[in-house]
C-alpha atoms as a PDB file:
ATOM      1  CA  UNK A   1     -13.315  34.359  -5.544  1.00  0.00           C
ATOM      2  CA  UNK A   2     -15.310  37.619  -5.448  1.00  0.00           C
ATOM      3  CA  UNK A   3     -13.923  40.808  -3.932  1.00  0.00           C
ATOM      4  CA  UNK A   4     -16.318  40.519  -0.976  1.00  0.00           C
ATOM      5  CA  UNK A   5     -15.566  36.852  -0.273  1.00  0.00           C
ATOM      6  CA  UNK A   6     -13.255  36.351   2.701  1.00  0.00           C
ATOM      7  CA  UNK A   7      -9.872  34.868   1.889  1.00  0.00           C
ATOM      8  CA  UNK A   8      -9.548  31.402   3.423  1.00  0.00           C
ATOM      9  CA  UNK A   9      -7.054  31.356   6.259  1.00  0.00           C
ATOM     10  CA  UNK A  10      -4.203  28.910   6.163  1.00  0.00           C
ATOM     11  CA  UNK A  11      -4.078  26.284   8.915  1.00  0.00           C
ATOM     12  CA  UNK A  12      -2.367  27.494  12.072  1.00  0.00           C
ATOM     13  CA  UNK A  13       0.320  25.400  13.730  1.00  0.00           C
ATOM     14  CA  UNK A  14       2.943  25.685  16.424  1.00  0.00           C
ATOM     15  CA  UNK A  15       6.634  25.975  15.606  1.00  0.00           C
ATOM     16  CA  UNK A  16       8.355  26.605  12.298  1.00  0.00           C
ATOM     17  CA  UNK A  17       7.078  23.507  10.467  1.00  0.00           C
ATOM     18  CA  UNK A  18       3.609  21.904  10.406  1.00  0.00           C
ATOM     19  CA  UNK A  19       3.415  18.490  12.041  1.00  0.00           C
ATOM     20  CA  UNK A  20      -0.151  17.327  11.491  1.00  0.00           C
ATOM     21  CA  UNK A  21      -1.450  16.090   8.150  1.00  0.00           C
ATOM     22  CA  UNK A  22      -4.134  18.782   7.876  1.00  0.00           C
ATOM     23  CA  UNK A  23      -1.634  21.562   8.654  1.00  0.00           C
ATOM     24  CA  UNK A  24       0.649  20.779   5.708  1.00  0.00           C
ATOM     25  CA  UNK A  25      -1.245  23.007   3.295  1.00  0.00           C
ATOM     26  CA  UNK A  26       1.765  23.683   1.094  1.00  0.00           C
ATOM     27  CA  UNK A  27       2.400  19.976   0.556  1.00  0.00           C
ATOM     28  CA  UNK A  28      -1.287  19.474  -0.291  1.00  0.00           C
ATOM     29  CA  UNK A  29      -1.105  22.121  -3.040  1.00  0.00           C
ATOM     30  CA  UNK A  30       1.939  21.331  -5.222  1.00  0.00           C
ATOM     31  CA  UNK A  31       0.566  23.520  -8.018  1.00  0.00           C
ATOM     32  CA  UNK A  32       1.078  26.625  -5.843  1.00  0.00           C
ATOM     33  CA  UNK A  33       3.908  25.453  -3.599  1.00  0.00           C
ATOM     34  CA  UNK A  34       5.859  23.013  -5.756  1.00  0.00           C
ATOM     35  CA  UNK A  35       9.203  23.715  -4.105  1.00  0.00           C
ATOM     36  CA  UNK A  36       7.842  22.678  -0.706  1.00  0.00           C
ATOM     37  CA  UNK A  37       7.438  19.081  -1.839  1.00  0.00           C
ATOM     38  CA  UNK A  38      11.007  19.078  -3.140  1.00  0.00           C
ATOM     39  CA  UNK A  39      12.266  20.292   0.233  1.00  0.00           C
ATOM     40  CA  UNK A  40      10.289  17.637   2.105  1.00  0.00           C
ATOM     41  CA  UNK A  41      11.513  14.857  -0.192  1.00  0.00           C
ATOM     42  CA  UNK A  42      15.059  16.121   0.203  1.00  0.00           C
ATOM     43  CA  UNK A  43      14.768  15.515   3.948  1.00  0.00           C
ATOM     44  CA  UNK A  44      13.882  11.858   3.332  1.00  0.00           C
ATOM     45  CA  UNK A  45      10.119  12.316   3.831  1.00  0.00           C
ATOM     46  CA  UNK A  46       7.131  11.927   1.538  1.00  0.00           C
ATOM     47  CA  UNK A  47       5.103  15.116   0.954  1.00  0.00           C
ATOM     48  CA  UNK A  48       1.626  14.885   2.488  1.00  0.00           C
ATOM     49  CA  UNK A  49      -1.040  13.529   0.167  1.00  0.00           C
ATOM     50  CA  UNK A  50       1.495  12.041  -2.269  1.00  0.00           C
ATOM     51  CA  UNK A  51       3.417   8.803  -2.705  1.00  0.00           C
ATOM     52  CA  UNK A  52       6.914   7.952  -3.909  1.00  0.00           C
ATOM     53  CA  UNK A  53       6.921   4.805  -6.072  1.00  0.00           C
ATOM     54  CA  UNK A  54       9.429   2.183  -4.983  1.00  0.00           C
ATOM     55  CA  UNK A  55      11.994   0.320  -7.126  1.00  0.00           C
ATOM     56  CA  UNK A  56      10.717   1.842 -10.376  1.00  0.00           C
ATOM     57  CA  UNK A  57      13.903   1.135 -12.357  1.00  0.00           C
ATOM     58  CA  UNK A  58      14.089  -2.464 -11.126  1.00  0.00           C
ATOM     59  CA  UNK A  59      10.424  -3.098 -11.958  1.00  0.00           C
ATOM     60  CA  UNK A  60      10.803  -1.654 -15.458  1.00  0.00           C
ATOM     61  CA  UNK A  61      13.854  -3.840 -16.012  1.00  0.00           C
ATOM     62  CA  UNK A  62      11.953  -6.983 -14.995  1.00  0.00           C
ATOM     63  CA  UNK A  63       8.732  -6.184 -16.849  1.00  0.00           C
ATOM     64  CA  UNK A  64      10.523  -4.745 -19.903  1.00  0.00           C
ATOM     65  CA  UNK A  65       7.517  -2.863 -21.325  1.00  0.00           C
ATOM     66  CA  UNK A  66       7.694  -2.350 -25.090  1.00  0.00           C
ATOM     67  CA  UNK A  67       5.712  -0.087 -27.433  1.00  0.00           C
ATOM     68  CA  UNK A  68       2.285  -1.473 -28.253  1.00  0.00           C
ATOM     69  CA  UNK A  69       2.033  -3.925 -25.366  1.00  0.00           C
ATOM     70  CA  UNK A  70      -0.873  -4.276 -22.922  1.00  0.00           C
ATOM     71  CA  UNK A  71      -0.107  -3.943 -19.222  1.00  0.00           C
ATOM     72  CA  UNK A  72      -1.994  -4.198 -15.948  1.00  0.00           C
ATOM     73  CA  UNK A  73      -1.145  -2.267 -12.795  1.00  0.00           C
ATOM     74  CA  UNK A  74      -3.179  -4.257 -10.291  1.00  0.00           C
ATOM     75  CA  UNK A  75      -2.571  -1.749  -7.469  1.00  0.00           C
ATOM     76  CA  UNK A  76      -2.652   1.669  -9.101  1.00  0.00           C
ATOM     77  CA  UNK A  77      -2.233   3.783  -5.962  1.00  0.00           C
ATOM     78  CA  UNK A  78      -0.697   7.182  -6.744  1.00  0.00           C
ATOM     79  CA  UNK A  79       0.142   6.040 -10.290  1.00  0.00           C
ATOM     80  CA  UNK A  80       3.929   6.366 -10.218  1.00  0.00           C
ATOM     81  CA  UNK A  81       4.662   2.869 -11.536  1.00  0.00           C
ATOM     82  CA  UNK A  82       1.825   3.139 -14.052  1.00  0.00           C
ATOM     83  CA  UNK A  83       3.116   6.409 -15.498  1.00  0.00           C
ATOM     84  CA  UNK A  84       6.622   4.995 -15.873  1.00  0.00           C
ATOM     85  CA  UNK A  85       5.228   1.968 -17.727  1.00  0.00           C
ATOM     86  CA  UNK A  86       2.920   4.088 -19.895  1.00  0.00           C
ATOM     87  CA  UNK A  87       5.864   6.149 -21.078  1.00  0.00           C
ATOM     88  CA  UNK A  88       7.514   2.935 -22.305  1.00  0.00           C
ATOM     89  CA  UNK A  89       4.353   1.471 -23.877  1.00  0.00           C
ATOM     90  CA  UNK A  90       3.990   4.391 -26.281  1.00  0.00           C
ATOM     91  CA  UNK A  91       0.899   5.651 -28.124  1.00  0.00           C
ATOM     92  CA  UNK A  92      -0.074   2.177 -29.355  1.00  0.00           C
ATOM     93  CA  UNK A  93       0.181   0.539 -25.938  1.00  0.00           C
ATOM     94  CA  UNK A  94      -2.425   0.408 -23.207  1.00  0.00           C
ATOM     95  CA  UNK A  95      -2.395   0.078 -19.432  1.00  0.00           C
ATOM     96  CA  UNK A  96      -5.292  -0.857 -17.151  1.00  0.00           C
ATOM     97  CA  UNK A  97      -5.010   0.359 -13.566  1.00  0.00           C
ATOM     98  CA  UNK A  98      -6.973  -1.238 -10.706  1.00  0.00           C
ATOM     99  CA  UNK A  99      -7.626   0.126  -7.226  1.00  0.00           C
ATOM    100  CA  UNK A 100     -10.301  -0.412  -4.585  1.00  0.00           C
ATOM    101  CA  UNK A 101      -9.843   2.995  -2.957  1.00  0.00           C
ATOM    102  CA  UNK A 102     -12.789   5.215  -3.960  1.00  0.00           C
ATOM    103  CA  UNK A 103     -11.059   8.323  -2.598  1.00  0.00           C
ATOM    104  CA  UNK A 104      -7.664   8.029  -4.288  1.00  0.00           C
ATOM    105  CA  UNK A 105      -8.579   6.372  -7.605  1.00  0.00           C
ATOM    106  CA  UNK A 106     -10.303   9.452  -9.126  1.00  0.00           C
ATOM    107  CA  UNK A 107      -7.368  11.656  -8.122  1.00  0.00           C
ATOM    108  CA  UNK A 108      -4.843   9.322  -9.704  1.00  0.00           C
ATOM    109  CA  UNK A 109      -6.888   8.988 -12.867  1.00  0.00           C
ATOM    110  CA  UNK A 110      -7.061  12.789 -13.120  1.00  0.00           C
ATOM    111  CA  UNK A 111      -3.274  13.104 -12.661  1.00  0.00           C
ATOM    112  CA  UNK A 112      -2.583  10.575 -15.419  1.00  0.00           C
ATOM    113  CA  UNK A 113      -5.071  12.258 -17.739  1.00  0.00           C
ATOM    114  CA  UNK A 114      -3.344  15.597 -17.106  1.00  0.00           C
ATOM    115  CA  UNK A 115      -0.026  13.910 -17.898  1.00  0.00           C
ATOM    116  CA  UNK A 116      -1.351  13.143 -21.373  1.00  0.00           C
ATOM    117  CA  UNK A 117      -2.628   9.586 -21.069  1.00  0.00           C
ATOM    118  CA  UNK A 118      -6.119   9.568 -22.533  1.00  0.00           C
ATOM    119  CA  UNK A 119      -8.660   6.713 -22.601  1.00  0.00           C
ATOM    120  CA  UNK A 120      -6.985   5.184 -25.644  1.00  0.00           C
ATOM    121  CA  UNK A 121      -3.832   4.599 -23.554  1.00  0.00           C
ATOM    122  CA  UNK A 122      -5.037   4.246 -19.981  1.00  0.00           C
ATOM    123  CA  UNK A 123      -8.121   2.747 -18.319  1.00  0.00           C
ATOM    124  CA  UNK A 124      -8.882   3.042 -14.601  1.00  0.00           C
ATOM    125  CA  UNK A 125     -11.048   0.386 -12.947  1.00  0.00           C
ATOM    126  CA  UNK A 126     -12.309   0.470  -9.378  1.00  0.00           C
ATOM    127  CA  UNK A 127     -11.962  -3.175  -8.416  1.00  0.00           C
ATOM    128  CA  UNK A 128      -9.936  -5.583  -6.313  1.00  0.00           C
ATOM    129  CA  UNK A 129      -7.220  -7.555  -8.058  1.00  0.00           C
ATOM    130  CA  UNK A 130      -8.898 -10.743  -6.836  1.00  0.00           C
ATOM    131  CA  UNK A 131     -11.216 -10.120  -9.795  1.00  0.00           C
ATOM    132  CA  UNK A 132      -8.373 -10.735 -12.247  1.00  0.00           C
ATOM    133  CA  UNK A 133      -9.969 -13.849 -13.841  1.00  0.00           C
ATOM    134  CA  UNK A 134     -13.055 -11.897 -14.915  1.00  0.00           C
ATOM    135  CA  UNK A 135     -10.923  -8.993 -16.127  1.00  0.00           C
ATOM    136  CA  UNK A 136      -8.674 -11.250 -18.206  1.00  0.00           C
ATOM    137  CA  UNK A 137     -11.734 -12.987 -19.674  1.00  0.00           C
ATOM    138  CA  UNK A 138     -13.106  -9.599 -20.682  1.00  0.00           C
ATOM    139  CA  UNK A 139      -9.938  -7.970 -22.009  1.00  0.00           C
ATOM    140  CA  UNK A 140      -7.665 -10.891 -22.839  1.00  0.00           C
ATOM    141  CA  UNK A 141      -4.208 -11.709 -21.440  1.00  0.00           C
ATOM    142  CA  UNK A 142      -1.662  -9.050 -20.542  1.00  0.00           C
ATOM    143  CA  UNK A 143       1.979  -8.725 -21.553  1.00  0.00           C
ATOM    144  CA  UNK A 144       2.935  -7.416 -18.137  1.00  0.00           C
ATOM    145  CA  UNK A 145       1.338  -7.304 -14.686  1.00  0.00           C
ATOM    146  CA  UNK A 146       2.517  -5.333 -11.665  1.00  0.00           C
ATOM    147  CA  UNK A 147       1.275  -5.503  -8.083  1.00  0.00           C
ATOM    148  CA  UNK A 148       2.660  -3.263  -5.339  1.00  0.00           C
ATOM    149  CA  UNK A 149       1.234  -4.700  -2.115  1.00  0.00           C
ATOM    150  CA  UNK A 150       2.303  -1.813   0.103  1.00  0.00           C
ATOM    151  CA  UNK A 151       0.039   0.907   1.422  1.00  0.00           C
ATOM    152  CA  UNK A 152       0.218   4.236  -0.363  1.00  0.00           C
ATOM    153  CA  UNK A 153       1.679   7.097   1.649  1.00  0.00           C
ATOM    154  CA  UNK A 154      -1.452   9.196   1.149  1.00  0.00           C
ATOM    155  CA  UNK A 155      -3.398   6.442   2.929  1.00  0.00           C
ATOM    156  CA  UNK A 156      -0.867   6.034   5.734  1.00  0.00           C
ATOM    157  CA  UNK A 157      -0.496   9.734   6.465  1.00  0.00           C
ATOM    158  CA  UNK A 158      -4.175  10.703   6.474  1.00  0.00           C
ATOM    159  CA  UNK A 159      -5.461  10.162  10.046  1.00  0.00           C
ATOM    160  CA  UNK A 160      -9.078   9.988   8.891  1.00  0.00           C
ATOM    161  CA  UNK A 161      -8.283   6.669   7.174  1.00  0.00           C
ATOM    162  CA  UNK A 162      -7.178   5.080  10.452  1.00  0.00           C
ATOM    163  CA  UNK A 163      -3.931   3.555   9.146  1.00  0.00           C
ATOM    164  CA  UNK A 164      -1.566   5.600  11.326  1.00  0.00           C
ATOM    165  CA  UNK A 165      -0.983   5.906  15.051  1.00  0.00           C
ATOM    166  CA  UNK A 166       0.986   9.138  14.628  1.00  0.00           C
ATOM    167  CA  UNK A 167      -2.256  11.122  14.878  1.00  0.00           C
ATOM    168  CA  UNK A 168      -5.618  10.289  16.383  1.00  0.00           C
ATOM    169  CA  UNK A 169      -8.363   9.084  14.091  1.00  0.00           C
ATOM    170  CA  UNK A 170     -11.041   6.414  13.767  1.00  0.00           C
ATOM    171  CA  UNK A 171      -9.715   2.856  13.968  1.00  0.00           C
ATOM    172  CA  UNK A 172     -10.792   2.009  10.432  1.00  0.00           C
ATOM    173  CA  UNK A 173      -7.972   0.490   8.329  1.00  0.00           C
ATOM    174  CA  UNK A 174     -10.190  -0.315   5.315  1.00  0.00           C
ATOM    175  CA  UNK A 175      -8.735   0.144   1.842  1.00  0.00           C
ATOM    176  CA  UNK A 176     -12.286   0.854   0.694  1.00  0.00           C
ATOM    177  CA  UNK A 177     -14.040   2.743   3.502  1.00  0.00           C
ATOM    178  CA  UNK A 178     -17.377   2.213   1.764  1.00  0.00           C
ATOM    179  CA  UNK A 179     -17.333  -1.573   2.174  1.00  0.00           C
ATOM    180  CA  UNK A 180     -16.927  -4.006   5.036  1.00  0.00           C
ATOM    181  CA  UNK A 181     -16.474  -3.237   8.707  1.00  0.00           C
ATOM    182  CA  UNK A 182     -13.846  -1.020  10.325  1.00  0.00           C
ATOM    183  CA  UNK A 183     -11.089  -2.511  12.452  1.00  0.00           C
ATOM    184  CA  UNK A 184     -12.728  -1.197  15.638  1.00  0.00           C
ATOM    185  CA  UNK A 185     -15.695  -3.512  15.072  1.00  0.00           C
ATOM    186  CA  UNK A 186     -13.435  -6.515  14.512  1.00  0.00           C
ATOM    187  CA  UNK A 187     -11.369  -5.697  17.593  1.00  0.00           C
ATOM    188  CA  UNK A 188     -14.515  -5.396  19.716  1.00  0.00           C
ATOM    189  CA  UNK A 189     -15.657  -8.964  19.075  1.00  0.00           C
ATOM    190  CA  UNK A 190     -12.480 -11.079  19.071  1.00  0.00           C
ATOM    191  CA  UNK A 191     -11.571 -13.227  22.054  1.00  0.00           C
ATOM    192  CA  UNK A 192      -8.103 -13.002  23.571  1.00  0.00           C
ATOM    193  CA  UNK A 193      -7.156 -16.280  21.872  1.00  0.00           C
ATOM    194  CA  UNK A 194      -8.414 -15.181  18.452  1.00  0.00           C
ATOM    195  CA  UNK A 195      -6.723 -11.789  18.761  1.00  0.00           C
ATOM    196  CA  UNK A 196      -3.402 -13.384  19.743  1.00  0.00           C
ATOM    197  CA  UNK A 197      -3.609 -15.707  16.739  1.00  0.00           C
ATOM    198  CA  UNK A 198      -4.348 -12.732  14.478  1.00  0.00           C
ATOM    199  CA  UNK A 199      -1.255 -10.886  15.752  1.00  0.00           C
ATOM    200  CA  UNK A 200       0.906 -13.988  15.273  1.00  0.00           C
ATOM    201  CA  UNK A 201      -0.377 -15.102  11.880  1.00  0.00           C
ATOM    202  CA  UNK A 202      -0.632 -11.682  10.239  1.00  0.00           C
ATOM    203  CA  UNK A 203       2.407  -9.966  11.724  1.00  0.00           C
ATOM    204  CA  UNK A 204       4.677 -12.499  13.508  1.00  0.00           C
ATOM    205  CA  UNK A 205       4.187 -10.488  16.710  1.00  0.00           C
ATOM    206  CA  UNK A 206       6.343 -11.956  19.535  1.00  0.00           C
ATOM    207  CA  UNK A 207       4.234 -10.381  22.315  1.00  0.00           C
ATOM    208  CA  UNK A 208       0.918 -11.478  20.805  1.00  0.00           C
ATOM    209  CA  UNK A 209      -0.470 -13.228  23.898  1.00  0.00           C
ATOM    210  CA  UNK A 210       0.201 -10.405  26.353  1.00  0.00           C
ATOM    211  CA  UNK A 211      -1.076  -7.704  24.008  1.00  0.00           C
ATOM    212  CA  UNK A 212      -4.231  -9.670  23.175  1.00  0.00           C
ATOM    213  CA  UNK A 213      -4.903 -10.557  26.830  1.00  0.00           C
ATOM    214  CA  UNK A 214      -4.794  -6.932  27.964  1.00  0.00           C
ATOM    215  CA  UNK A 215      -6.923  -5.734  25.055  1.00  0.00           C
ATOM    216  CA  UNK A 216      -9.553  -8.409  25.675  1.00  0.00           C
ATOM    217  CA  UNK A 217      -9.713  -7.499  29.379  1.00  0.00           C
ATOM    218  CA  UNK A 218     -10.720  -3.894  28.699  1.00  0.00           C
ATOM    219  CA  UNK A 219     -14.338  -2.997  29.523  1.00  0.00           C
ATOM    220  CA  UNK A 220     -14.385  -0.824  26.383  1.00  0.00           C
ATOM    221  CA  UNK A 221     -12.073  -1.789  23.560  1.00  0.00           C
ATOM    222  CA  UNK A 222     -10.321   0.959  21.536  1.00  0.00           C
ATOM    223  CA  UNK A 223     -12.209   2.636  18.716  1.00  0.00           C
ATOM    224  CA  UNK A 224      -9.548   5.186  17.773  1.00  0.00           C
ATOM    225  CA  UNK A 225      -5.968   4.815  16.623  1.00  0.00           C
ATOM    226  CA  UNK A 226      -4.624   6.696  19.635  1.00  0.00           C
ATOM    227  CA  UNK A 227      -6.594   4.595  22.123  1.00  0.00           C
ATOM    228  CA  UNK A 228      -5.253   1.387  20.582  1.00  0.00           C
ATOM    229  CA  UNK A 229      -1.687   2.703  20.460  1.00  0.00           C
ATOM    230  CA  UNK A 230      -1.875   3.851  24.099  1.00  0.00           C
ATOM    231  CA  UNK A 231      -3.133   0.437  25.243  1.00  0.00           C
ATOM    232  CA  UNK A 232      -0.407  -1.399  23.333  1.00  0.00           C
ATOM    233  CA  UNK A 233       2.216   0.914  24.847  1.00  0.00           C
ATOM    234  CA  UNK A 234       0.805   0.270  28.328  1.00  0.00           C
ATOM    235  CA  UNK A 235       1.177  -3.492  27.902  1.00  0.00           C
ATOM    236  CA  UNK A 236       4.720  -3.104  26.611  1.00  0.00           C
ATOM    237  CA  UNK A 237       5.569  -0.873  29.581  1.00  0.00           C
ATOM    238  CA  UNK A 238       4.335  -3.619  31.927  1.00  0.00           C
ATOM    239  CA  UNK A 239       6.627  -6.007  30.075  1.00  0.00           C
ATOM    240  CA  UNK A 240       9.594  -3.746  30.800  1.00  0.00           C
ATOM    241  CA  UNK A 241       9.936  -1.808  27.549  1.00  0.00           C
ATOM    242  CA  UNK A 242      10.936   1.852  27.745  1.00  0.00           C
ATOM    243  CA  UNK A 243       8.627   4.182  25.812  1.00  0.00           C
ATOM    244  CA  UNK A 244      11.445   5.254  23.460  1.00  0.00           C
ATOM    245  CA  UNK A 245      12.582   1.694  22.762  1.00  0.00           C
ATOM    246  CA  UNK A 246      12.458   1.197  18.952  1.00  0.00           C
ATOM    247  CA  UNK A 247      10.745  -2.143  19.558  1.00  0.00           C
ATOM    248  CA  UNK A 248       7.689  -0.303  20.889  1.00  0.00           C
ATOM    249  CA  UNK A 249       7.173   1.435  17.558  1.00  0.00           C
ATOM    250  CA  UNK A 250       7.774  -1.792  15.649  1.00  0.00           C
ATOM    251  CA  UNK A 251       5.206  -3.588  17.812  1.00  0.00           C
ATOM    252  CA  UNK A 252       2.603  -0.920  17.125  1.00  0.00           C
ATOM    253  CA  UNK A 253       3.305  -1.177  13.410  1.00  0.00           C
ATOM    254  CA  UNK A 254       2.914  -4.954  13.486  1.00  0.00           C
ATOM    255  CA  UNK A 255      -0.360  -4.867  15.417  1.00  0.00           C
ATOM    256  CA  UNK A 256      -1.902  -2.252  13.124  1.00  0.00           C
ATOM    257  CA  UNK A 257      -0.700  -4.303  10.159  1.00  0.00           C
ATOM    258  CA  UNK A 258      -2.283  -7.470  11.546  1.00  0.00           C
ATOM    259  CA  UNK A 259      -5.660  -5.769  11.962  1.00  0.00           C
ATOM    260  CA  UNK A 260      -5.440  -4.173   8.505  1.00  0.00           C
ATOM    261  CA  UNK A 261      -4.726  -7.531   6.858  1.00  0.00           C
ATOM    262  CA  UNK A 262      -7.723  -9.090   8.600  1.00  0.00           C
ATOM    263  CA  UNK A 263     -10.122  -6.221   7.855  1.00  0.00           C
ATOM    264  CA  UNK A 264      -9.263  -6.238   4.140  1.00  0.00           C
ATOM    265  CA  UNK A 265      -8.801 -10.037   3.825  1.00  0.00           C
ATOM    266  CA  UNK A 266      -5.439  -9.229   2.238  1.00  0.00           C
ATOM    267  CA  UNK A 267      -4.041 -12.752   2.330  1.00  0.00           C
ATOM    268  CA  UNK A 268      -7.246 -14.196   0.876  1.00  0.00           C
ATOM    269  CA  UNK A 269      -7.386 -11.817  -2.083  1.00  0.00           C
ATOM    270  CA  UNK A 270      -3.624 -12.176  -2.664  1.00  0.00           C
ATOM    271  CA  UNK A 271      -3.970 -15.959  -2.870  1.00  0.00           C
ATOM    272  CA  UNK A 272      -6.782 -15.563  -5.429  1.00  0.00           C
ATOM    273  CA  UNK A 273      -4.682 -13.124  -7.455  1.00  0.00           C
ATOM    274  CA  UNK A 274      -1.619 -15.376  -7.465  1.00  0.00           C
ATOM    275  CA  UNK A 275      -3.659 -18.406  -8.528  1.00  0.00           C
ATOM    276  CA  UNK A 276      -5.148 -16.530 -11.485  1.00  0.00           C
ATOM    277  CA  UNK A 277      -1.915 -14.945 -12.751  1.00  0.00           C
ATOM    278  CA  UNK A 278      -0.864 -17.679 -15.240  1.00  0.00           C
ATOM    279  CA  UNK A 279      -4.204 -17.496 -17.067  1.00  0.00           C
ATOM    280  CA  UNK A 280      -4.050 -13.687 -17.173  1.00  0.00           C
ATOM    281  CA  UNK A 281      -0.562 -13.489 -18.710  1.00  0.00           C
ATOM    282  CA  UNK A 282       0.178 -13.826 -22.405  1.00  0.00           C
ATOM    283  CA  UNK A 283       2.867 -16.293 -23.469  1.00  0.00           C
ATOM    284  CA  UNK A 284       6.178 -14.700 -22.521  1.00  0.00           C
ATOM    285  CA  UNK A 285       4.344 -12.185 -20.348  1.00  0.00           C
ATOM    286  CA  UNK A 286       5.968 -10.984 -17.148  1.00  0.00           C
ATOM    287  CA  UNK A 287       4.746 -10.284 -13.629  1.00  0.00           C
ATOM    288  CA  UNK A 288       6.490  -8.312 -10.881  1.00  0.00           C
ATOM    289  CA  UNK A 289       5.234  -8.120  -7.295  1.00  0.00           C
ATOM    290  CA  UNK A 290       6.443  -5.868  -4.498  1.00  0.00           C
ATOM    291  CA  UNK A 291       5.855  -7.205  -0.987  1.00  0.00           C
ATOM    292  CA  UNK A 292       6.415  -5.493   2.350  1.00  0.00           C
ATOM    293  CA  UNK A 293       6.250  -8.184   5.011  1.00  0.00           C
ATOM    294  CA  UNK A 294       7.012 -11.877   5.389  1.00  0.00           C
ATOM    295  CA  UNK A 295       3.407 -13.088   5.098  1.00  0.00           C
ATOM    296  CA  UNK A 296       3.080 -11.579   1.621  1.00  0.00           C
ATOM    297  CA  UNK A 297       6.530 -12.630   0.461  1.00  0.00           C
ATOM    298  CA  UNK A 298       6.021 -16.251   1.536  1.00  0.00           C
ATOM    299  CA  UNK A 299       2.854 -16.478  -0.532  1.00  0.00           C
ATOM    300  CA  UNK A 300       4.399 -14.938  -3.635  1.00  0.00           C
ATOM    301  CA  UNK A 301       7.502 -17.121  -3.375  1.00  0.00           C
ATOM    302  CA  UNK A 302       5.424 -20.288  -2.977  1.00  0.00           C
ATOM    303  CA  UNK A 303       3.114 -19.450  -5.898  1.00  0.00           C
ATOM    304  CA  UNK A 304       6.014 -18.718  -8.236  1.00  0.00           C
ATOM    305  CA  UNK A 305       7.906 -21.865  -7.202  1.00  0.00           C
ATOM    306  CA  UNK A 306       4.852 -24.063  -7.710  1.00  0.00           C
ATOM    307  CA  UNK A 307       4.110 -22.398 -11.039  1.00  0.00           C
ATOM    308  CA  UNK A 308       7.685 -22.936 -12.185  1.00  0.00           C
ATOM    309  CA  UNK A 309       7.613 -26.629 -11.250  1.00  0.00           C
ATOM    310  CA  UNK A 310       4.314 -27.029 -13.101  1.00  0.00           C
ATOM    311  CA  UNK A 311       5.778 -25.455 -16.244  1.00  0.00           C
ATOM    312  CA  UNK A 312       3.595 -22.348 -16.040  1.00  0.00           C
ATOM    313  CA  UNK A 313       6.613 -20.046 -15.684  1.00  0.00           C
ATOM    314  CA  UNK A 314       9.844 -20.392 -17.654  1.00  0.00           C
ATOM    315  CA  UNK A 315      11.808 -18.294 -15.166  1.00  0.00           C
ATOM    316  CA  UNK A 316      11.309 -16.872 -11.676  1.00  0.00           C
ATOM    317  CA  UNK A 317      13.380 -14.790  -9.290  1.00  0.00           C
ATOM    318  CA  UNK A 318      15.910 -16.946  -7.428  1.00  0.00           C
ATOM    319  CA  UNK A 319      15.733 -14.532  -4.499  1.00  0.00           C
ATOM    320  CA  UNK A 320      13.975 -11.227  -3.840  1.00  0.00           C
ATOM    321  CA  UNK A 321      15.524  -7.997  -5.021  1.00  0.00           C
ATOM    322  CA  UNK A 322      15.769  -5.142  -2.526  1.00  0.00           C
ATOM    323  CA  UNK A 323      15.836  -1.348  -2.900  1.00  0.00           C
ATOM    324  CA  UNK A 324      19.272   0.138  -3.387  1.00  0.00           C
ATOM    325  CA  UNK A 325      21.026   1.736  -0.400  1.00  0.00           C
ATOM    326  CA  UNK A 326      20.481   5.116  -2.044  1.00  0.00           C
ATOM    327  CA  UNK A 327      16.728   4.553  -2.375  1.00  0.00           C
ATOM    328  CA  UNK A 328      16.457   3.355   1.217  1.00  0.00           C
ATOM    329  CA  UNK A 329      18.260   6.530   2.280  1.00  0.00           C
ATOM    330  CA  UNK A 330      16.145   8.829   0.120  1.00  0.00           C
ATOM    331  CA  UNK A 331      12.854   7.075   0.899  1.00  0.00           C
ATOM    332  CA  UNK A 332      12.960   5.166   4.211  1.00  0.00           C
ATOM    333  CA  UNK A 333       9.520   3.681   3.524  1.00  0.00           C
ATOM    334  CA  UNK A 334      11.119   1.575   0.795  1.00  0.00           C
ATOM    335  CA  UNK A 335      13.318  -0.311   3.270  1.00  0.00           C
ATOM    336  CA  UNK A 336      11.143  -3.438   3.787  1.00  0.00           C
ATOM    337  CA  UNK A 337      10.269  -3.865   0.094  1.00  0.00           C
ATOM    338  CA  UNK A 338      11.032  -7.130  -1.719  1.00  0.00           C
ATOM    339  CA  UNK A 339      10.596  -7.610  -5.465  1.00  0.00           C
ATOM    340  CA  UNK A 340       9.876 -11.006  -7.026  1.00  0.00           C
ATOM    341  CA  UNK A 341       9.148 -11.679 -10.684  1.00  0.00           C
ATOM    342  CA  UNK A 342       8.186 -14.476 -13.065  1.00  0.00           C
ATOM    343  CA  UNK A 343       7.953 -15.042 -16.841  1.00  0.00           C
ATOM    344  CA  UNK A 344       5.028 -16.943 -18.337  1.00  0.00           C
ATOM    345  CA  UNK A 345       5.823 -19.958 -20.496  1.00  0.00           C
END
């Protein structure tokens, strides 16, 4: 910055602590304000623009990475799981990280490069994990595969991505905002019956019919996160729910989840990924998958059970593992996580 250049002003906000994503300038700049992130994490929150990896110790125990092995992180995200695995794989090992997000992938790759993991140890690929068959054909089978099916906090917290109803933003919900159609377009064309089925199938929403009926009756359907949240709250109020009832928040979360799953075809690509896993794993190779809602967990459980019966897996998780009470306390976003694993025959 030259002497004549004006110094950029920090975002202004009301009160003693910033509330909006864009106002949290200290959390966005850990290089200058590193202690701020520590304070935020200490209060049980995730610093803006970052992500806290879930069940790292449990995943490392199940995948058991060893020096020289080849691993795949099929959902790279912020790179926390990948970095932990890379540290175990050593200089002779290699990890490939996949992600469809064109905004976050370059940032994560840069962080891992800065942490000392050069191209000989780490490769980043912008692709969906449904492309696993082609990847395994190109690179060969992997000794370990991880998939964390949850959203990254930096996606959830950024209102411009449309994943959150805490702040207003476009009703988008796409993992890759450069492909496909935003959720607002999908919402605009669905009938009441189709919308109710979407809420039921993708999120087990008990008020699916009433919510879908009222949305379909609107002359102009919501195109922003706030407009959708306000309409859902209005329907719940008509059904007798108080605004502060915890079920209202849970309903909003389920409806946003249902739309997100549909927009990104999450169940379709997960089914493709699960079907291709046995061919992508080396003999004795291990896979660990973190799920965050019943629709995902049912699919993973079924695929592992069927693979075990067919002799494709020598061992699978008898039941899902959950985050420890301490982790759920320190990171409330870990609470719904379930970990399942399998070992290739």
